[in-house]
Protein backbone atom coordinates (compact mmCIF):
# COMPACT_ATOMS: atom_id res chain seq x y z
CA MET A 1 5.86 1.78 -3.77
CA SER A 2 3.51 0.86 -0.80
CA PHE A 3 2.68 4.46 -0.14
CA PHE A 4 -0.02 4.17 -2.99
CA LYS A 5 -1.56 0.83 -1.78
CA THR A 6 -4.77 0.29 0.20
CA LYS A 7 -3.61 -1.25 3.52
CA TYR A 8 -5.75 -3.85 5.52
CA ARG A 9 -5.45 -4.88 9.40
CA VAL A 10 -7.16 -6.48 12.18
CA VAL A 11 -7.67 -4.91 15.58
CA THR A 12 -9.09 -5.96 18.79
CA ASP A 13 -12.63 -4.42 19.89
CA ASN A 14 -14.59 -4.37 23.06
CA TYR A 15 -17.52 -6.26 21.48
CA LEU A 16 -16.78 -9.79 20.13
CA GLY A 17 -12.92 -9.76 19.79
CA TYR A 18 -11.71 -8.58 16.42
CA GLU A 19 -12.48 -6.04 13.77
CA ALA A 20 -11.23 -5.75 10.06
CA GLN A 21 -10.15 -2.45 8.89
CA TYR A 22 -8.71 -0.90 5.85
CA LYS A 23 -6.85 2.37 4.93
CA PRO A 24 -7.11 3.81 1.56
CA TRP A 25 -3.77 5.39 0.26
CA PHE A 26 -5.35 8.95 0.09
CA PHE A 27 -7.08 8.83 3.46
CA PRO A 28 -5.27 9.40 6.89
CA PHE A 29 -7.72 7.29 8.94
CA TRP A 30 -8.38 3.67 9.28
CA LEU A 31 -11.88 2.48 8.14
CA GLN A 32 -14.16 -0.50 9.08
CA LEU A 33 -14.56 -2.87 6.21
CA ASP A 34 -18.32 -2.94 5.07
CA GLY A 35 -19.62 -0.86 7.71
CA ILE A 36 -19.71 -2.26 11.20
CA ASN A 37 -17.96 -5.78 11.40
CA THR A 38 -16.64 -7.76 14.55
CA HIS A 39 -15.68 -11.42 14.78
CA LEU A 40 -15.08 -13.95 17.31
CA THR A 41 -11.82 -15.19 15.81
CA ILE A 42 -8.95 -13.50 14.27
CA ASP A 43 -9.15 -16.07 11.28
CA LYS A 44 -12.58 -14.89 10.34
CA ALA A 45 -11.37 -11.14 10.52
CA LEU A 46 -8.41 -12.13 8.25
CA GLU A 47 -10.76 -13.90 5.80
CA MET A 48 -12.75 -10.84 5.51
CA CYS A 49 -9.69 -8.80 4.76
CA LYS A 50 -8.76 -11.08 2.15
CA ALA A 51 -12.11 -11.36 0.53
CA PHE A 52 -12.47 -7.49 0.58
CA LYS A 53 -9.01 -7.09 -0.94
CA GLN A 54 -9.79 -9.72 -3.67
CA ASN A 55 -13.28 -7.88 -4.51
CA THR A 56 -11.62 -4.60 -5.03
CA GLN A 57 -8.89 -5.69 -7.11
CA ASN A 58 -11.17 -7.52 -9.36
CA LYS A 59 -13.38 -4.52 -9.98
CA LYS A 60 -13.39 -2.91 -13.62
CA THR A 61 -14.52 0.56 -14.22
CA VAL A 62 -16.39 1.02 -17.26
CA ALA A 63 -17.16 4.58 -18.59
CA VAL A 64 -19.71 5.00 -21.21
CA LEU A 65 -19.75 8.32 -22.97
CA THR A 66 -22.75 9.42 -24.89
CA ASP A 67 -23.42 12.52 -27.04
């Protein structure tokens, strides 16, 4: 089900040209990847989306329980 997946997109901005954004499934707004980012080409912005998606999928959470 695509409702529970984080979505990524590239939009135009008024500074350099393109901005990479993501929308977590639980959040109603689009957010900028890694804070402020802006790119001259759409290809660079797409690369950032792909890298961010790959980074977040490879993360593993480790919980350490102590007494």
